[in-house]
N, C-alpha and C. Protein backbone atom coordinates (compact mmCIF):
# COMPACT_ATOMS: atom_id res chain seq x y z
N MET A 1 4.57 -1.69 19.76
CA MET A 1 4.73 -2.50 18.71
C MET A 1 2.74 -2.50 18.26
N SER A 2 3.45 -2.85 17.21
CA SER A 2 1.65 -2.90 16.67
C SER A 2 1.64 -3.65 15.47
N TYR A 3 0.97 -4.24 15.15
CA TYR A 3 0.83 -5.27 13.52
C TYR A 3 -0.68 -4.47 12.54
N THR A 4 -0.40 -4.55 11.51
CA THR A 4 -0.79 -4.68 10.25
C THR A 4 -1.32 -5.24 9.44
N TYR A 5 -2.54 -5.44 8.84
CA TYR A 5 -2.89 -6.04 8.49
C TYR A 5 -3.70 -5.89 7.19
N SER A 6 -3.69 -6.84 6.10
CA SER A 6 -5.35 -6.56 4.75
C SER A 6 -5.58 -7.83 4.14
N SER A 7 -6.32 -7.72 4.21
CA SER A 7 -7.31 -9.33 3.69
C SER A 7 -7.70 -8.73 2.45
N ASP A 8 -7.19 -10.12 1.07
CA ASP A 8 -7.54 -10.07 -0.22
C ASP A 8 -7.63 -8.41 -0.90
N GLY A 9 -6.59 -7.84 -0.20
CA GLY A 9 -5.95 -6.41 -0.60
C GLY A 9 -6.91 -5.26 -0.81
N ASP A 10 -7.73 -5.86 0.70
CA ASP A 10 -8.63 -4.37 1.46
C ASP A 10 -7.82 -3.19 1.60
N PRO A 11 -7.81 -2.13 2.35
CA PRO A 11 -6.95 -0.94 3.00
C PRO A 11 -6.63 -2.06 4.43
N GLU A 12 -5.21 -1.56 4.88
CA GLU A 12 -4.92 -1.86 5.84
C GLU A 12 -5.32 -1.55 7.17
N VAL A 13 -5.15 -2.81 8.07
CA VAL A 13 -6.19 -2.24 9.50
C VAL A 13 -4.65 -2.19 10.45
N THR A 14 -4.60 -1.91 11.30
CA THR A 14 -3.32 -2.08 12.48
C THR A 14 -3.90 -1.76 13.70
N VAL A 15 -3.13 -2.88 14.24
CA VAL A 15 -4.05 -3.27 15.75
C VAL A 15 -2.45 -3.50 16.97
N ALA A 16 -3.02 -2.65 18.08
CA ALA A 16 -1.75 -2.92 19.15
C ALA A 16 -1.10 -3.95 19.63
N ALA A 17 0.02 -4.47 19.27
CA ALA A 17 0.42 -5.57 20.56
C ALA A 17 -0.04 -5.46 22.16
N ASP A 18 0.27 -6.38 22.66
CA ASP A 18 -0.39 -6.49 24.00
C ASP A 18 1.05 -6.76 24.94
N ALA A 19 1.19 -6.93 26.36
CA ALA A 19 2.26 -6.88 26.53
C ALA A 19 3.59 -7.72 26.24
N HIS A 20 2.86 -8.54 25.78
CA HIS A 20 3.86 -9.95 25.17
C HIS A 20 4.07 -10.58 24.07
N HIS A 21 3.47 -9.02 22.93
CA HIS A 21 4.02 -8.71 21.54
C HIS A 21 3.24 -9.20 21.04
N GLY A 22 1.93 -9.86 21.42
CA GLY A 22 0.40 -10.60 20.31
C GLY A 22 -0.45 -9.94 20.22
N ALA A 23 -1.32 -10.48 19.26
CA ALA A 23 -2.43 -9.76 18.91
C ALA A 23 -3.67 -10.43 18.63
N ALA A 24 -4.48 -10.21 18.38
CA ALA A 24 -5.66 -10.66 17.73
C ALA A 24 -6.89 -9.62 17.72
N VAL A 25 -7.11 -10.76 15.79
CA VAL A 25 -8.47 -9.93 15.26
C VAL A 25 -9.34 -10.97 14.96
N ASP A 26 -10.65 -10.41 14.78
CA ASP A 26 -11.72 -11.46 14.32
C ASP A 26 -11.91 -11.31 13.16
N TRP A 27 -11.87 -12.25 11.95
CA TRP A 27 -12.23 -11.71 10.59
C TRP A 27 -12.71 -12.95 9.97
N THR A 28 -13.67 -13.20 9.34
CA THR A 28 -14.56 -13.93 8.72
C THR A 28 -14.22 -13.46 6.99
N PRO A 29 -13.77 -14.11 6.28
CA PRO A 29 -13.72 -14.17 4.55
C PRO A 29 -15.25 -13.99 4.05
N PRO A 30 -15.27 -12.70 2.81
CA PRO A 30 -16.82 -12.98 2.57
C PRO A 30 -17.09 -13.60 2.00
N THR A 31 -16.54 -14.56 1.06
CA THR A 31 -17.02 -15.96 -0.04
C THR A 31 -16.17 -17.02 0.79
N ASP A 32 -16.67 -17.76 -0.07
CA ASP A 32 -15.59 -19.12 -0.20
C ASP A 32 -14.43 -18.73 -0.97
N GLY A 33 -13.93 -19.80 -1.10
CA GLY A 33 -12.77 -19.36 -1.79
C GLY A 33 -11.76 -19.13 -1.86
N PHE A 34 -10.12 -19.16 -2.69
CA PHE A 34 -9.12 -18.61 -2.40
C PHE A 34 -8.86 -17.15 -1.43
N HIS A 35 -8.26 -16.67 -0.43
CA HIS A 35 -7.76 -15.94 0.04
C HIS A 35 -6.72 -15.39 1.14
N TYR A 36 -6.30 -14.26 0.84
CA TYR A 36 -5.01 -14.02 1.25
C TYR A 36 -4.91 -13.09 2.53
N LEU A 37 -3.76 -13.39 2.99
CA LEU A 37 -3.38 -12.60 4.50
C LEU A 37 -2.31 -12.02 4.65
N THR A 38 -1.91 -10.50 4.11
CA THR A 38 -0.70 -10.02 4.66
C THR A 38 -0.43 -9.10 5.94
N VAL A 39 0.52 -9.71 6.41
CA VAL A 39 0.45 -9.10 8.27
C VAL A 39 2.02 -8.73 7.95
N HIS A 40 2.22 -7.54 8.60
CA HIS A 40 3.58 -7.09 9.30
C HIS A 40 3.64 -6.09 10.58
N ALA A 41 4.50 -6.50 11.06
CA ALA A 41 4.86 -5.69 12.65
C ALA A 41 5.62 -4.31 12.33
N THR A 42 5.36 -3.25 13.07
CA THR A 42 5.82 -2.60 13.04
C THR A 42 6.50 -2.08 14.65
N THR A 43 7.99 -2.25 14.66
CA THR A 43 8.31 -1.76 16.22
C THR A 43 8.16 -0.75 16.48
N ARG A 44 7.90 -0.59 18.47
CA ARG A 44 7.42 0.81 19.23
C ARG A 44 8.88 1.82 18.56
N SER A 45 9.71 1.76 17.59
CA SER A 45 10.56 2.71 16.87
C SER A 45 10.31 3.06 15.87
N GLY A 46 9.55 2.75 14.92
CA GLY A 46 8.70 3.10 14.17
C GLY A 46 9.21 1.87 12.72
N VAL A 47 9.84 1.13 13.01
CA VAL A 47 10.50 0.12 12.27
C VAL A 47 9.39 -0.97 11.49
N ARG A 48 9.22 -0.81 10.18
CA ARG A 48 8.20 -1.75 9.44
C ARG A 48 9.11 -3.23 9.39
N LEU A 49 8.55 -4.28 9.39
CA LEU A 49 9.39 -5.29 9.72
C LEU A 49 8.65 -5.82 8.46
N ALA A 50 9.52 -7.15 8.00
CA ALA A 50 8.91 -7.69 6.53
C ALA A 50 7.71 -8.30 6.84
N PRO A 51 7.20 -8.24 5.82
CA PRO A 51 5.65 -8.53 5.76
C PRO A 51 5.76 -10.23 5.75
N TYR A 52 4.77 -11.26 5.86
CA TYR A 52 4.27 -12.34 5.88
C TYR A 52 3.57 -12.30 5.13
N ASP A 53 2.99 -13.33 4.31
CA ASP A 53 1.42 -13.40 3.02
C ASP A 53 1.19 -15.04 3.78
N TYR A 54 -0.13 -15.04 4.03
CA TYR A 54 -0.70 -16.26 3.87
C TYR A 54 -1.83 -16.26 2.88
N PHE A 55 -1.74 -17.61 2.82
CA PHE A 55 -2.87 -18.31 1.69
C PHE A 55 -3.62 -19.25 1.76
N PHE A 56 -4.91 -19.22 1.76
CA PHE A 56 -5.78 -20.30 2.11
C PHE A 56 -7.17 -20.28 1.40
N THR A 57 -7.61 -21.31 1.48
CA THR A 57 -9.31 -21.41 0.97
C THR A 57 -10.04 -21.46 1.53
N VAL A 58 -11.17 -21.20 1.42
CA VAL A 58 -12.56 -21.65 2.65
C VAL A 58 -13.77 -21.97 1.76
N SER A 59 -13.78 -23.02 1.99
CA SER A 59 -14.94 -23.70 1.20
C SER A 59 -16.84 -24.23 2.14
């Protein structure tokens, strides 16, 4: 399993999931203001699951 994310429309980045299906990334928004993050999982068999969108403001 893996997770793919894109922040603010930047190119997608894929990270492998751990044994418990979790993953962690370090990311800091480059500017204050409104940002969004889109994440989707891909199963071991290659099925891409529905994306989740997160919206937040940094001040």
